[in-house]
Amino acid sequence: MDKENYLTLKWGTLKSWNVEGNEEAIKLLKRYCEIGSSFSAMMQKDTPEQKEIICKLIDLVPGDIYLDWDGEYASKVDAKKYVMEYRAEN
């Protein structure tokens, strides 16, 4: 792997990532895309399965997760809460 694996979240969903060499994460991303995704994080409306996939991806990357809108890192627990609760009221 050239770079450390990472995830960046924005608007409650995936914005960017590097999972090079992480076969389990690559399989999860393929499934995520099979379900259907937008090129725009802002327009993405994740299904419950997609949210679960993101949470599994969070566990597979080292370190904290970057929340792009906030410009800060979140713990894995807080990142999963962010994903699961975003847009929950809609």
PDB file of N, CA and C in Angstrom:
ATOM      1  N   MET A   1       0.836  -1.187   0.000  1.00  0.00           N
ATOM      2  CA  MET A   1       0.000   0.000   0.000  1.00  0.00           C
ATOM      3  C   MET A   1       0.878   1.246   0.000  1.00  0.00           C
ATOM      4  N   ASP A   2       0.587   2.166  -0.882  1.00  0.00           N
ATOM      5  CA  ASP A   2       1.353   3.402  -0.948  1.00  0.00           C
ATOM      6  C   ASP A   2       0.949   4.377   0.150  1.00  0.00           C
ATOM      7  N   LYS A   3      -0.336   4.475   0.428  1.00  0.00           N
ATOM      8  CA  LYS A   3      -0.868   5.396   1.421  1.00  0.00           C
ATOM      9  C   LYS A   3      -1.617   4.600   2.472  1.00  0.00           C
ATOM     10  N   GLU A   4      -1.707   5.178   3.642  1.00  0.00           N
ATOM     11  CA  GLU A   4      -2.511   4.567   4.690  1.00  0.00           C
ATOM     12  C   GLU A   4      -3.979   4.602   4.276  1.00  0.00           C
ATOM     13  N   ASN A   5      -4.691   3.542   4.581  1.00  0.00           N
ATOM     14  CA  ASN A   5      -6.124   3.513   4.289  1.00  0.00           C
ATOM     15  C   ASN A   5      -6.838   4.573   5.133  1.00  0.00           C
ATOM     16  N   TYR A   6      -7.861   5.212   4.542  1.00  0.00           N
ATOM     17  CA  TYR A   6      -8.628   6.227   5.257  1.00  0.00           C
ATOM     18  C   TYR A   6     -10.031   6.327   4.686  1.00  0.00           C
ATOM     19  N   LEU A   7     -10.913   6.962   5.430  1.00  0.00           N
ATOM     20  CA  LEU A   7     -12.257   7.324   4.978  1.00  0.00           C
ATOM     21  C   LEU A   7     -12.498   8.780   5.316  1.00  0.00           C
ATOM     22  N   THR A   8     -13.167   9.475   4.417  1.00  0.00           N
ATOM     23  CA  THR A   8     -13.651  10.824   4.674  1.00  0.00           C
ATOM     24  C   THR A   8     -15.156  10.799   4.485  1.00  0.00           C
ATOM     25  N   LEU A   9     -15.866  11.361   5.448  1.00  0.00           N
ATOM     26  CA  LEU A   9     -17.320  11.413   5.389  1.00  0.00           C
ATOM     27  C   LEU A   9     -17.777  12.857   5.234  1.00  0.00           C
ATOM     28  N   LYS A  10     -18.893  13.021   4.541  1.00  0.00           N
ATOM     29  CA  LYS A  10     -19.521  14.333   4.413  1.00  0.00           C
ATOM     30  C   LYS A  10     -20.998  14.115   4.146  1.00  0.00           C
ATOM     31  N   TRP A  11     -21.831  14.954   4.725  1.00  0.00           N
ATOM     32  CA  TRP A  11     -23.284  14.818   4.591  1.00  0.00           C
ATOM     33  C   TRP A  11     -23.758  13.415   4.976  1.00  0.00           C
ATOM     34  N   GLY A  12     -23.106  12.816   5.952  1.00  0.00           N
ATOM     35  CA  GLY A  12     -23.531  11.528   6.480  1.00  0.00           C
ATOM     36  C   GLY A  12     -23.165  10.327   5.639  1.00  0.00           C
ATOM     37  N   THR A  13     -22.330  10.517   4.625  1.00  0.00           N
ATOM     38  CA  THR A  13     -21.999   9.412   3.730  1.00  0.00           C
ATOM     39  C   THR A  13     -20.523   9.469   3.328  1.00  0.00           C
ATOM     40  N   LEU A  14     -20.126   8.550   2.480  1.00  0.00           N
ATOM     41  CA  LEU A  14     -18.756   8.517   1.990  1.00  0.00           C
ATOM     42  C   LEU A  14     -18.479   9.693   1.070  1.00  0.00           C
ATOM     43  N   LYS A  15     -17.355  10.337   1.290  1.00  0.00           N
ATOM     44  CA  LYS A  15     -16.908  11.380   0.369  1.00  0.00           C
ATOM     45  C   LYS A  15     -15.669  10.900  -0.378  1.00  0.00           C
ATOM     46  N   SER A  16     -14.689  10.386   0.354  1.00  0.00           N
ATOM     47  CA  SER A  16     -13.474   9.869  -0.282  1.00  0.00           C
ATOM     48  C   SER A  16     -12.897   8.767   0.599  1.00  0.00           C
ATOM     49  N   TRP A  17     -12.024   7.987  -0.026  1.00  0.00           N
ATOM     50  CA  TRP A  17     -11.444   6.860   0.692  1.00  0.00           C
ATOM     51  C   TRP A  17     -10.205   6.360  -0.025  1.00  0.00           C
ATOM     52  N   ASN A  18      -9.410   5.625   0.712  1.00  0.00           N
ATOM     53  CA  ASN A  18      -8.314   4.832   0.156  1.00  0.00           C
ATOM     54  C   ASN A  18      -8.330   3.523   0.920  1.00  0.00           C
ATOM     55  N   VAL A  19      -8.633   2.458   0.239  1.00  0.00           N
ATOM     56  CA  VAL A  19      -8.643   1.124   0.853  1.00  0.00           C
ATOM     57  C   VAL A  19      -7.752   0.171   0.064  1.00  0.00           C
ATOM     58  N   GLU A  20      -6.776   0.737  -0.621  1.00  0.00           N
ATOM     59  CA  GLU A  20      -5.851  -0.051  -1.431  1.00  0.00           C
ATOM     60  C   GLU A  20      -5.259  -1.193  -0.609  1.00  0.00           C
ATOM     61  N   GLY A  21      -5.323  -2.395  -1.143  1.00  0.00           N
ATOM     62  CA  GLY A  21      -4.765  -3.564  -0.484  1.00  0.00           C
ATOM     63  C   GLY A  21      -5.650  -4.166   0.584  1.00  0.00           C
ATOM     64  N   ASN A  22      -6.786  -3.562   0.879  1.00  0.00           N
ATOM     65  CA  ASN A  22      -7.704  -4.049   1.908  1.00  0.00           C
ATOM     66  C   ASN A  22      -8.864  -4.754   1.206  1.00  0.00           C
ATOM     67  N   GLU A  23      -8.695  -6.038   0.960  1.00  0.00           N
ATOM     68  CA  GLU A  23      -9.666  -6.787   0.147  1.00  0.00           C
ATOM     69  C   GLU A  23     -11.074  -6.775   0.744  1.00  0.00           C
ATOM     70  N   GLU A  24     -11.188  -6.885   2.052  1.00  0.00           N
ATOM     71  CA  GLU A  24     -12.510  -6.867   2.678  1.00  0.00           C
ATOM     72  C   GLU A  24     -13.199  -5.518   2.436  1.00  0.00           C
ATOM     73  N   ALA A  25     -12.455  -4.428   2.570  1.00  0.00           N
ATOM     74  CA  ALA A  25     -13.023  -3.103   2.332  1.00  0.00           C
ATOM     75  C   ALA A  25     -13.388  -2.920   0.860  1.00  0.00           C
ATOM     76  N   ILE A  26     -12.580  -3.430  -0.026  1.00  0.00           N
ATOM     77  CA  ILE A  26     -12.870  -3.337  -1.463  1.00  0.00           C
ATOM     78  C   ILE A  26     -14.173  -4.060  -1.791  1.00  0.00           C
ATOM     79  N   LYS A  27     -14.385  -5.233  -1.220  1.00  0.00           N
ATOM     80  CA  LYS A  27     -15.637  -5.980  -1.436  1.00  0.00           C
ATOM     81  C   LYS A  27     -16.834  -5.185  -0.918  1.00  0.00           C
ATOM     82  N   LEU A  28     -16.674  -4.579   0.247  1.00  0.00           N
ATOM     83  CA  LEU A  28     -17.763  -3.777   0.804  1.00  0.00           C
ATOM     84  C   LEU A  28     -18.081  -2.576  -0.086  1.00  0.00           C
ATOM     85  N   LEU A  29     -17.075  -1.917  -0.601  1.00  0.00           N
ATOM     86  CA  LEU A  29     -17.306  -0.774  -1.495  1.00  0.00           C
ATOM     87  C   LEU A  29     -17.991  -1.199  -2.789  1.00  0.00           C
ATOM     88  N   LYS A  30     -17.623  -2.356  -3.308  1.00  0.00           N
ATOM     89  CA  LYS A  30     -18.293  -2.863  -4.516  1.00  0.00           C
ATOM     90  C   LYS A  30     -19.776  -3.081  -4.241  1.00  0.00           C
ATOM     91  N   ARG A  31     -20.087  -3.678  -3.082  1.00  0.00           N
ATOM     92  CA  ARG A  31     -21.488  -3.914  -2.726  1.00  0.00           C
ATOM     93  C   ARG A  31     -22.215  -2.581  -2.557  1.00  0.00           C
ATOM     94  N   TYR A  32     -21.565  -1.630  -1.909  1.00  0.00           N
ATOM     95  CA  TYR A  32     -22.140  -0.300  -1.712  1.00  0.00           C
ATOM     96  C   TYR A  32     -22.543   0.295  -3.066  1.00  0.00           C
ATOM     97  N   CYS A  33     -21.667   0.206  -4.034  1.00  0.00           N
ATOM     98  CA  CYS A  33     -21.932   0.759  -5.366  1.00  0.00           C
ATOM     99  C   CYS A  33     -23.002  -0.028  -6.119  1.00  0.00           C
ATOM    100  N   GLU A  34     -23.047  -1.346  -5.919  1.00  0.00           N
ATOM    101  CA  GLU A  34     -24.078  -2.167  -6.566  1.00  0.00           C
ATOM    102  C   GLU A  34     -25.476  -1.732  -6.136  1.00  0.00           C
ATOM    103  N   ILE A  35     -25.612  -1.325  -4.882  1.00  0.00           N
ATOM    104  CA  ILE A  35     -26.914  -0.896  -4.367  1.00  0.00           C
ATOM    105  C   ILE A  35     -27.345   0.383  -5.072  1.00  0.00           C
ATOM    106  N   GLY A  36     -26.365   1.222  -5.398  1.00  0.00           N
ATOM    107  CA  GLY A  36     -26.636   2.474  -6.095  1.00  0.00           C
ATOM    108  C   GLY A  36     -26.099   3.646  -5.314  1.00  0.00           C
ATOM    109  N   SER A  37     -25.352   4.495  -5.996  1.00  0.00           N
ATOM    110  CA  SER A  37     -24.801   5.665  -5.322  1.00  0.00           C
ATOM    111  C   SER A  37     -24.694   6.824  -6.300  1.00  0.00           C
ATOM    112  N   SER A  38     -24.670   8.012  -5.728  1.00  0.00           N
ATOM    113  CA  SER A  38     -24.554   9.238  -6.499  1.00  0.00           C
ATOM    114  C   SER A  38     -23.094   9.651  -6.563  1.00  0.00           C
ATOM    115  N   PHE A  39     -22.714  10.362  -7.600  1.00  0.00           N
ATOM    116  CA  PHE A  39     -21.372  10.916  -7.674  1.00  0.00           C
ATOM    117  C   PHE A  39     -21.213  12.069  -6.687  1.00  0.00           C
ATOM    118  N   SER A  40     -22.318  12.574  -6.178  1.00  0.00           N
ATOM    119  CA  SER A  40     -22.311  13.695  -5.244  1.00  0.00           C
ATOM    120  C   SER A  40     -22.669  13.194  -3.843  1.00  0.00           C
ATOM    121  N   ALA A  41     -21.773  13.405  -2.888  1.00  0.00           N
ATOM    122  CA  ALA A  41     -22.071  13.018  -1.509  1.00  0.00           C
ATOM    123  C   ALA A  41     -23.312  13.747  -1.003  1.00  0.00           C
ATOM    124  N   MET A  42     -23.487  14.989  -1.422  1.00  0.00           N
ATOM    125  CA  MET A  42     -24.632  15.765  -0.981  1.00  0.00           C
ATOM    126  C   MET A  42     -25.950  15.143  -1.440  1.00  0.00           C
ATOM    127  N   MET A  43     -25.957  14.522  -2.597  1.00  0.00           N
ATOM    128  CA  MET A  43     -27.178  13.947  -3.157  1.00  0.00           C
ATOM    129  C   MET A  43     -27.406  12.486  -2.741  1.00  0.00           C
ATOM    130  N   GLN A  44     -26.411  11.855  -2.162  1.00  0.00           N
ATOM    131  CA  GLN A  44     -26.509  10.451  -1.788  1.00  0.00           C
ATOM    132  C   GLN A  44     -27.506  10.252  -0.658  1.00  0.00           C
ATOM    133  N   LYS A  45     -28.402   9.315  -0.831  1.00  0.00           N
ATOM    134  CA  LYS A  45     -29.368   8.919   0.201  1.00  0.00           C
ATOM    135  C   LYS A  45     -29.119   7.441   0.489  1.00  0.00           C
ATOM    136  N   ASP A  46     -28.284   7.175   1.472  1.00  0.00           N
ATOM    137  CA  ASP A  46     -27.903   5.799   1.769  1.00  0.00           C
ATOM    138  C   ASP A  46     -29.071   4.977   2.296  1.00  0.00           C
ATOM    139  N   THR A  47     -29.126   3.741   1.847  1.00  0.00           N
ATOM    140  CA  THR A  47     -30.083   2.782   2.377  1.00  0.00           C
ATOM    141  C   THR A  47     -29.566   2.299   3.734  1.00  0.00           C
ATOM    142  N   PRO A  48     -30.407   1.629   4.519  1.00  0.00           N
ATOM    143  CA  PRO A  48     -29.904   1.047   5.770  1.00  0.00           C
ATOM    144  C   PRO A  48     -28.718   0.102   5.531  1.00  0.00           C
ATOM    145  N   GLU A  49     -28.750  -0.678   4.454  1.00  0.00           N
ATOM    146  CA  GLU A  49     -27.631  -1.572   4.157  1.00  0.00           C
ATOM    147  C   GLU A  49     -26.357  -0.769   3.853  1.00  0.00           C
ATOM    148  N   GLN A  50     -26.489   0.305   3.113  1.00  0.00           N
ATOM    149  CA  GLN A  50     -25.323   1.128   2.809  1.00  0.00           C
ATOM    150  C   GLN A  50     -24.741   1.761   4.069  1.00  0.00           C
ATOM    151  N   LYS A  51     -25.604   2.185   4.984  1.00  0.00           N
ATOM    152  CA  LYS A  51     -25.115   2.740   6.244  1.00  0.00           C
ATOM    153  C   LYS A  51     -24.346   1.678   7.031  1.00  0.00           C
ATOM    154  N   GLU A  52     -24.834   0.459   7.025  1.00  0.00           N
ATOM    155  CA  GLU A  52     -24.142  -0.638   7.700  1.00  0.00           C
ATOM    156  C   GLU A  52     -22.784  -0.899   7.043  1.00  0.00           C
ATOM    157  N   ILE A  53     -22.739  -0.823   5.730  1.00  0.00           N
ATOM    158  CA  ILE A  53     -21.477  -1.007   5.003  1.00  0.00           C
ATOM    159  C   ILE A  53     -20.480   0.079   5.406  1.00  0.00           C
ATOM    160  N   ILE A  54     -20.925   1.317   5.466  1.00  0.00           N
ATOM    161  CA  ILE A  54     -20.035   2.404   5.864  1.00  0.00           C
ATOM    162  C   ILE A  54     -19.492   2.150   7.274  1.00  0.00           C
ATOM    163  N   CYS A  55     -20.350   1.692   8.167  1.00  0.00           N
ATOM    164  CA  CYS A  55     -19.897   1.407   9.534  1.00  0.00           C
ATOM    165  C   CYS A  55     -18.860   0.287   9.554  1.00  0.00           C
ATOM    166  N   LYS A  56     -19.031  -0.708   8.719  1.00  0.00           N
ATOM    167  CA  LYS A  56     -18.034  -1.774   8.626  1.00  0.00           C
ATOM    168  C   LYS A  56     -16.726  -1.235   8.056  1.00  0.00           C
ATOM    169  N   LEU A  57     -16.827  -0.356   7.075  1.00  0.00           N
ATOM    170  CA  LEU A  57     -15.630   0.270   6.510  1.00  0.00           C
ATOM    171  C   LEU A  57     -14.894   1.098   7.563  1.00  0.00           C
ATOM    172  N   ILE A  58     -15.651   1.796   8.390  1.00  0.00           N
ATOM    173  CA  ILE A  58     -15.044   2.587   9.463  1.00  0.00           C
ATOM    174  C   ILE A  58     -14.171   1.702  10.345  1.00  0.00           C
ATOM    175  N   ASP A  59     -14.668   0.511  10.648  1.00  0.00           N
ATOM    176  CA  ASP A  59     -13.903  -0.416  11.482  1.00  0.00           C
ATOM    177  C   ASP A  59     -12.667  -0.962  10.781  1.00  0.00           C
ATOM    178  N   LEU A  60     -12.663  -0.967   9.453  1.00  0.00           N
ATOM    179  CA  LEU A  60     -11.566  -1.569   8.696  1.00  0.00           C
ATOM    180  C   LEU A  60     -10.399  -0.620   8.414  1.00  0.00           C
ATOM    181  N   VAL A  61     -10.587   0.667   8.603  1.00  0.00           N
ATOM    182  CA  VAL A  61      -9.483   1.602   8.350  1.00  0.00           C
ATOM    183  C   VAL A  61      -8.835   2.000   9.675  1.00  0.00           C
ATOM    184  N   PRO A  62      -7.537   2.256   9.662  1.00  0.00           N
ATOM    185  CA  PRO A  62      -6.857   2.623  10.900  1.00  0.00           C
ATOM    186  C   PRO A  62      -7.179   4.058  11.324  1.00  0.00           C
ATOM    187  N   GLY A  63      -7.155   4.282  12.598  1.00  0.00           N
ATOM    188  CA  GLY A  63      -7.288   5.644  13.115  1.00  0.00           C
ATOM    189  C   GLY A  63      -8.689   6.208  13.051  1.00  0.00           C
ATOM    190  N   ASP A  64      -8.762   7.502  13.299  1.00  0.00           N
ATOM    191  CA  ASP A  64     -10.033   8.207  13.311  1.00  0.00           C
ATOM    192  C   ASP A  64     -10.496   8.508  11.892  1.00  0.00           C
ATOM    193  N   ILE A  65     -11.742   8.918  11.779  1.00  0.00           N
ATOM    194  CA  ILE A  65     -12.388   9.184  10.487  1.00  0.00           C
ATOM    195  C   ILE A  65     -12.551  10.695  10.321  1.00  0.00           C
ATOM    196  N   TYR A  66     -12.205  11.201   9.139  1.00  0.00           N
ATOM    197  CA  TYR A  66     -12.286  12.640   8.891  1.00  0.00           C
ATOM    198  C   TYR A  66     -13.698  13.038   8.474  1.00  0.00           C
ATOM    199  N   LEU A  67     -14.249  14.011   9.175  1.00  0.00           N
ATOM    200  CA  LEU A  67     -15.554  14.584   8.831  1.00  0.00           C
ATOM    201  C   LEU A  67     -15.283  15.881   8.087  1.00  0.00           C
ATOM    202  N   ASP A  68     -15.467  15.841   6.783  1.00  0.00           N
ATOM    203  CA  ASP A  68     -15.060  16.950   5.919  1.00  0.00           C
ATOM    204  C   ASP A  68     -15.806  18.238   6.208  1.00  0.00           C
ATOM    205  N   TRP A  69     -17.103  18.171   6.422  1.00  0.00           N
ATOM    206  CA  TRP A  69     -17.875  19.384   6.643  1.00  0.00           C
ATOM    207  C   TRP A  69     -17.414  20.094   7.909  1.00  0.00           C
ATOM    208  N   ASP A  70     -17.120  19.310   8.950  1.00  0.00           N
ATOM    209  CA  ASP A  70     -16.693  19.873  10.225  1.00  0.00           C
ATOM    210  C   ASP A  70     -15.208  20.199  10.256  1.00  0.00           C
ATOM    211  N   GLY A  71     -14.436  19.610   9.339  1.00  0.00           N
ATOM    212  CA  GLY A  71     -13.009  19.835   9.307  1.00  0.00           C
ATOM    213  C   GLY A  71     -12.283  19.254  10.505  1.00  0.00           C
ATOM    214  N   GLU A  72     -12.783  18.115  10.994  1.00  0.00           N
ATOM    215  CA  GLU A  72     -12.161  17.488  12.158  1.00  0.00           C
ATOM    216  C   GLU A  72     -12.272  15.966  12.071  1.00  0.00           C
ATOM    217  N   TYR A  73     -11.491  15.329  12.913  1.00  0.00           N
ATOM    218  CA  TYR A  73     -11.512  13.866  12.981  1.00  0.00           C
ATOM    219  C   TYR A  73     -12.469  13.420  14.071  1.00  0.00           C
ATOM    220  N   ALA A  74     -13.121  12.285  13.826  1.00  0.00           N
ATOM    221  CA  ALA A  74     -14.039  11.702  14.803  1.00  0.00           C
ATOM    222  C   ALA A  74     -13.579  10.288  15.122  1.00  0.00           C
ATOM    223  N   SER A  75     -13.836   9.865  16.341  1.00  0.00           N
ATOM    224  CA  SER A  75     -13.548   8.479  16.718  1.00  0.00           C
ATOM    225  C   SER A  75     -14.429   7.555  15.887  1.00  0.00           C
ATOM    226  N   LYS A  76     -14.092   6.307  15.855  1.00  0.00           N
ATOM    227  CA  LYS A  76     -14.898   5.336  15.114  1.00  0.00           C
ATOM    228  C   LYS A  76     -16.334   5.307  15.646  1.00  0.00           C
ATOM    229  N   VAL A  77     -16.486   5.355  16.959  1.00  0.00           N
ATOM    230  CA  VAL A  77     -17.825   5.346  17.572  1.00  0.00           C
ATOM    231  C   VAL A  77     -18.623   6.571  17.120  1.00  0.00           C
ATOM    232  N   ASP A  78     -18.007   7.738  17.191  1.00  0.00           N
ATOM    233  CA  ASP A  78     -18.707   8.965  16.786  1.00  0.00           C
ATOM    234  C   ASP A  78     -18.973   9.003  15.283  1.00  0.00           C
ATOM    235  N   ALA A  79     -18.058   8.476  14.481  1.00  0.00           N
ATOM    236  CA  ALA A  79     -18.260   8.435  13.024  1.00  0.00           C
ATOM    237  C   ALA A  79     -19.436   7.532  12.677  1.00  0.00           C
ATOM    238  N   LYS A  80     -19.546   6.392  13.342  1.00  0.00           N
ATOM    239  CA  LYS A  80     -20.677   5.488  13.078  1.00  0.00           C
ATOM    240  C   LYS A  80     -21.989   6.128  13.511  1.00  0.00           C
ATOM    241  N   LYS A  81     -21.982   6.814  14.633  1.00  0.00           N
ATOM    242  CA  LYS A  81     -23.184   7.522  15.087  1.00  0.00           C
ATOM    243  C   LYS A  81     -23.584   8.584  14.063  1.00  0.00           C
ATOM    244  N   TYR A  82     -22.609   9.316  13.567  1.00  0.00           N
ATOM    245  CA  TYR A  82     -22.847  10.343  12.542  1.00  0.00           C
ATOM    246  C   TYR A  82     -23.525   9.729  11.309  1.00  0.00           C
ATOM    247  N   VAL A  83     -23.008   8.609  10.840  1.00  0.00           N
ATOM    248  CA  VAL A  83     -23.564   7.942   9.654  1.00  0.00           C
ATOM    249  C   VAL A  83     -24.985   7.451   9.928  1.00  0.00           C
ATOM    250  N   MET A  84     -25.183   6.796  11.053  1.00  0.00           N
ATOM    251  CA  MET A  84     -26.482   6.174  11.333  1.00  0.00           C
ATOM    252  C   MET A  84     -27.572   7.201  11.647  1.00  0.00           C
ATOM    253  N   GLU A  85     -27.193   8.345  12.192  1.00  0.00           N
ATOM    254  CA  GLU A  85     -28.192   9.339  12.586  1.00  0.00           C
ATOM    255  C   GLU A  85     -28.414  10.450  11.572  1.00  0.00           C
ATOM    256  N   TYR A  86     -27.518  10.572  10.598  1.00  0.00           N
ATOM    257  CA  TYR A  86     -27.665  11.656   9.622  1.00  0.00           C
ATOM    258  C   TYR A  86     -28.923  11.453   8.805  1.00  0.00           C
ATOM    259  N   ARG A  87     -29.720  12.502   8.687  1.00  0.00           N
ATOM    260  CA  ARG A  87     -30.995  12.482   7.956  1.00  0.00           C
ATOM    261  C   ARG A  87     -32.007  11.516   8.538  1.00  0.00           C
ATOM    262  N   ALA A  88     -31.812  11.058   9.750  1.00  0.00           N
ATOM    263  CA  ALA A  88     -32.735  10.112  10.374  1.00  0.00           C
ATOM    264  C   ALA A  88     -34.126  10.705  10.549  1.00  0.00           C
ATOM    265  N   GLU A  89     -34.196  12.020  10.707  1.00  0.00           N
ATOM    266  CA  GLU A  89     -35.476  12.667  10.918  1.00  0.00           C
ATOM    267  C   GLU A  89     -36.279  12.820   9.622  1.00  0.00           C
ATOM    268  N   ASN A  90     -35.646  12.614   8.476  1.00  0.00           N
ATOM    269  CA  ASN A  90     -36.342  12.808   7.187  1.00  0.00           C
ATOM    270  C   ASN A  90     -36.896  11.520   6.664  1.00  0.00           C
TER     271      ASN A  90
END
